[in-house]
Amino acid sequence: MNVIDILVLVAFVGSIKEVCRNITLAFSGYENSRNNKFIDIVQSILLILSGIFYCGSVVVLIKTLPNLELFLSQSLDIQIVIIFIPPLIAMYLLSGFASKQAVNYSLKKGLIKKTDVKKKILPEN
């Protein structure tokens, strides 16, 4: 493995971490309105959809970019960066947007409710 491969791998791991953080933070401050696991299920679905989106984006780039002469004239390291990094950025942006939309939809349908953040737990003496 050369340096570019390691950097792409680090960027991939960091992006997955940020996507998980985006999805988790979108639902912080909310709880299930019924006795169900709705938030857990939606978070899992959003994570799976983010992964599918990333894989699909990489496949589209792999299929279309080799037809461009400018892309073929680049070194292999640059080609790897061009193919794998832009879908990471798009996946990050999509996860933020999709999780906010899921929260808004769930609130409208009454599937989740806001938690009372003003309520403090006082230590017992």
C-alpha atoms as a PDB file:
ATOM      1  CA  MET A   1       0.000   0.000   0.000  1.00  0.00           C
ATOM      2  CA  ASN A   2       1.316   3.398  -0.875  1.00  0.00           C
ATOM      3  CA  VAL A   3       0.589   6.709   0.826  1.00  0.00           C
ATOM      4  CA  ILE A   4      -2.415   7.596  -1.356  1.00  0.00           C
ATOM      5  CA  ASP A   5      -4.122   4.273  -0.586  1.00  0.00           C
ATOM      6  CA  ILE A   6      -3.610   4.830   3.132  1.00  0.00           C
ATOM      7  CA  LEU A   7      -4.955   8.398   2.923  1.00  0.00           C
ATOM      8  CA  VAL A   8      -8.050   7.231   1.021  1.00  0.00           C
ATOM      9  CA  LEU A   9      -8.615   4.514   3.627  1.00  0.00           C
ATOM     10  CA  VAL A  10      -8.267   7.045   6.472  1.00  0.00           C
ATOM     11  CA  ALA A  11     -10.683   9.403   4.697  1.00  0.00           C
ATOM     12  CA  PHE A  12     -13.148   6.531   4.258  1.00  0.00           C
ATOM     13  CA  VAL A  13     -13.030   5.569   7.944  1.00  0.00           C
ATOM     14  CA  GLY A  14     -13.326   9.200   9.016  1.00  0.00           C
ATOM     15  CA  SER A  15     -16.288   9.770   6.707  1.00  0.00           C
ATOM     16  CA  ILE A  16     -18.108   6.691   7.999  1.00  0.00           C
ATOM     17  CA  LYS A  17     -17.547   7.972  11.544  1.00  0.00           C
ATOM     18  CA  GLU A  18     -18.934  11.391  10.628  1.00  0.00           C
ATOM     19  CA  VAL A  19     -21.942   9.866   8.859  1.00  0.00           C
ATOM     20  CA  CYS A  20     -22.756   7.825  11.977  1.00  0.00           C
ATOM     21  CA  ARG A  21     -22.321  10.953  14.091  1.00  0.00           C
ATOM     22  CA  ASN A  22     -24.613  12.955  11.776  1.00  0.00           C
ATOM     23  CA  ILE A  23     -27.342  10.354  11.987  1.00  0.00           C
ATOM     24  CA  THR A  24     -27.028   9.964  15.762  1.00  0.00           C
ATOM     25  CA  LEU A  25     -26.992  13.705  16.471  1.00  0.00           C
ATOM     26  CA  ALA A  26     -30.032  14.305  14.286  1.00  0.00           C
ATOM     27  CA  PHE A  27     -32.103  12.179  16.662  1.00  0.00           C
ATOM     28  CA  SER A  28     -30.568  13.472  19.898  1.00  0.00           C
ATOM     29  CA  GLY A  29     -33.163  15.295  21.939  1.00  0.00           C
ATOM     30  CA  TYR A  30     -35.947  13.029  20.674  1.00  0.00           C
ATOM     31  CA  GLU A  31     -37.452   9.852  22.027  1.00  0.00           C
ATOM     32  CA  ASN A  32     -39.889   7.250  20.735  1.00  0.00           C
ATOM     33  CA  SER A  33     -43.443   8.389  21.323  1.00  0.00           C
ATOM     34  CA  ARG A  34     -44.695   4.837  21.522  1.00  0.00           C
ATOM     35  CA  ASN A  35     -43.011   1.899  23.140  1.00  0.00           C
ATOM     36  CA  ASN A  36     -41.082   0.908  20.025  1.00  0.00           C
ATOM     37  CA  LYS A  37     -37.615   1.014  18.487  1.00  0.00           C
ATOM     38  CA  PHE A  38     -38.479   3.460  15.712  1.00  0.00           C
ATOM     39  CA  ILE A  39     -35.419   5.682  16.144  1.00  0.00           C
ATOM     40  CA  ASP A  40     -33.045   2.696  16.124  1.00  0.00           C
ATOM     41  CA  ILE A  41     -34.656   1.282  12.990  1.00  0.00           C
ATOM     42  CA  VAL A  42     -34.559   4.616  11.141  1.00  0.00           C
ATOM     43  CA  GLN A  43     -30.923   5.178  12.096  1.00  0.00           C
ATOM     44  CA  SER A  44     -30.021   1.714  10.795  1.00  0.00           C
ATOM     45  CA  ILE A  45     -31.900   2.290   7.546  1.00  0.00           C
ATOM     46  CA  LEU A  46     -30.205   5.669   7.034  1.00  0.00           C
ATOM     47  CA  LEU A  47     -26.778   4.122   7.606  1.00  0.00           C
ATOM     48  CA  ILE A  48     -27.505   1.311   5.132  1.00  0.00           C
ATOM     49  CA  LEU A  49     -28.809   3.807   2.558  1.00  0.00           C
ATOM     50  CA  SER A  50     -25.677   5.931   2.983  1.00  0.00           C
ATOM     51  CA  GLY A  51     -23.526   2.871   2.305  1.00  0.00           C
ATOM     52  CA  ILE A  52     -25.570   1.947  -0.768  1.00  0.00           C
ATOM     53  CA  PHE A  53     -25.334   5.526  -2.029  1.00  0.00           C
ATOM     54  CA  TYR A  54     -21.545   5.492  -1.610  1.00  0.00           C
ATOM     55  CA  CYS A  55     -21.128   2.170  -3.407  1.00  0.00           C
ATOM     56  CA  GLY A  56     -23.446   3.275  -6.195  1.00  0.00           C
ATOM     57  CA  SER A  57     -21.567   6.541  -6.637  1.00  0.00           C
ATOM     58  CA  VAL A  58     -18.235   4.750  -6.840  1.00  0.00           C
ATOM     59  CA  VAL A  59     -19.613   2.291  -9.411  1.00  0.00           C
ATOM     60  CA  VAL A  60     -20.974   5.146 -11.541  1.00  0.00           C
ATOM     61  CA  LEU A  61     -17.606   6.917 -11.427  1.00  0.00           C
ATOM     62  CA  ILE A  62     -15.729   3.708 -12.255  1.00  0.00           C
ATOM     63  CA  LYS A  63     -17.998   3.121 -15.271  1.00  0.00           C
ATOM     64  CA  THR A  64     -18.022   6.686 -16.626  1.00  0.00           C
ATOM     65  CA  LEU A  65     -14.624   8.219 -15.889  1.00  0.00           C
ATOM     66  CA  PRO A  66     -12.476   5.808 -17.941  1.00  0.00           C
ATOM     67  CA  ASN A  67     -14.253   7.148 -21.034  1.00  0.00           C
ATOM     68  CA  LEU A  68     -12.649  10.551 -20.477  1.00  0.00           C
ATOM     69  CA  GLU A  69      -9.187  11.003 -21.932  1.00  0.00           C
ATOM     70  CA  LEU A  70      -8.249  13.562 -19.272  1.00  0.00           C
ATOM     71  CA  PHE A  71      -8.957  11.010 -16.540  1.00  0.00           C
ATOM     72  CA  LEU A  72      -6.892   8.322 -18.269  1.00  0.00           C
ATOM     73  CA  SER A  73      -3.927  10.667 -18.605  1.00  0.00           C
ATOM     74  CA  GLN A  74      -3.709  11.040 -14.797  1.00  0.00           C
ATOM     75  CA  SER A  75      -1.551   8.797 -12.642  1.00  0.00           C
ATOM     76  CA  LEU A  76      -3.146   5.852 -10.864  1.00  0.00           C
ATOM     77  CA  ASP A  77      -2.940   7.621  -7.493  1.00  0.00           C
ATOM     78  CA  ILE A  78      -4.870  10.628  -8.803  1.00  0.00           C
ATOM     79  CA  GLN A  79      -7.442   8.327 -10.402  1.00  0.00           C
ATOM     80  CA  ILE A  80      -7.989   6.580  -7.057  1.00  0.00           C
ATOM     81  CA  VAL A  81      -8.514   9.912  -5.295  1.00  0.00           C
ATOM     82  CA  ILE A  82     -10.917  11.133  -7.998  1.00  0.00           C
ATOM     83  CA  ILE A  83     -12.982   7.946  -7.814  1.00  0.00           C
ATOM     84  CA  PHE A  84     -13.202   7.447  -4.037  1.00  0.00           C
ATOM     85  CA  ILE A  85     -13.118  10.889  -2.353  1.00  0.00           C
ATOM     86  CA  PRO A  86     -16.032  12.828  -3.992  1.00  0.00           C
ATOM     87  CA  PRO A  87     -18.574  10.090  -3.121  1.00  0.00           C
ATOM     88  CA  LEU A  88     -17.415  10.340   0.516  1.00  0.00           C
ATOM     89  CA  ILE A  89     -18.254  14.039   0.552  1.00  0.00           C
ATOM     90  CA  ALA A  90     -21.612  13.391  -1.122  1.00  0.00           C
ATOM     91  CA  MET A  91     -22.396  10.587   1.344  1.00  0.00           C
ATOM     92  CA  TYR A  92     -21.663  12.906   4.278  1.00  0.00           C
ATOM     93  CA  LEU A  93     -23.931  15.633   2.897  1.00  0.00           C
ATOM     94  CA  LEU A  94     -26.694  13.154   2.060  1.00  0.00           C
ATOM     95  CA  SER A  95     -26.640  11.639   5.546  1.00  0.00           C
ATOM     96  CA  GLY A  96     -27.099  15.053   7.147  1.00  0.00           C
ATOM     97  CA  PHE A  97     -29.960  15.975   4.847  1.00  0.00           C
ATOM     98  CA  ALA A  98     -31.714  12.594   5.052  1.00  0.00           C
ATOM     99  CA  SER A  99     -31.524  12.389   8.830  1.00  0.00           C
ATOM    100  CA  LYS A 100     -33.026  15.874   9.237  1.00  0.00           C
ATOM    101  CA  GLN A 101     -35.816  14.942   6.841  1.00  0.00           C
ATOM    102  CA  ALA A 102     -36.449  11.716   8.768  1.00  0.00           C
ATOM    103  CA  VAL A 103     -36.719  13.665  12.030  1.00  0.00           C
ATOM    104  CA  ASN A 104     -39.140  16.191  10.513  1.00  0.00           C
ATOM    105  CA  TYR A 105     -41.313  13.453   8.982  1.00  0.00           C
ATOM    106  CA  SER A 106     -41.340  11.444  12.212  1.00  0.00           C
ATOM    107  CA  LEU A 107     -42.367  14.489  14.233  1.00  0.00           C
ATOM    108  CA  LYS A 108     -45.240  15.234  11.842  1.00  0.00           C
ATOM    109  CA  LYS A 109     -46.489  11.644  12.019  1.00  0.00           C
ATOM    110  CA  GLY A 110     -46.138  11.502  15.804  1.00  0.00           C
ATOM    111  CA  LEU A 111     -43.634   8.638  15.764  1.00  0.00           C
ATOM    112  CA  ILE A 112     -41.132  10.531  17.918  1.00  0.00           C
ATOM    113  CA  LYS A 113     -41.393  13.365  20.400  1.00  0.00           C
ATOM    114  CA  LYS A 114     -38.994  15.909  21.833  1.00  0.00           C
ATOM    115  CA  THR A 115     -37.519  15.144  25.197  1.00  0.00           C
ATOM    116  CA  ASP A 116     -37.767  17.680  27.969  1.00  0.00           C
ATOM    117  CA  VAL A 117     -34.215  19.029  27.991  1.00  0.00           C
ATOM    118  CA  LYS A 118     -34.964  21.533  30.753  1.00  0.00           C
ATOM    119  CA  LYS A 119     -35.626  18.758  33.224  1.00  0.00           C
ATOM    120  CA  LYS A 120     -32.448  18.221  35.234  1.00  0.00           C
ATOM    121  CA  ILE A 121     -31.614  15.261  37.341  1.00  0.00           C
ATOM    122  CA  LEU A 122     -30.565  16.521  40.729  1.00  0.00           C
ATOM    123  CA  PRO A 123     -28.150  14.455  42.784  1.00  0.00           C
ATOM    124  CA  GLU A 124     -29.719  12.876  45.809  1.00  0.00           C
ATOM    125  CA  ASN A 125     -28.220  13.892  49.146  1.00  0.00           C
END
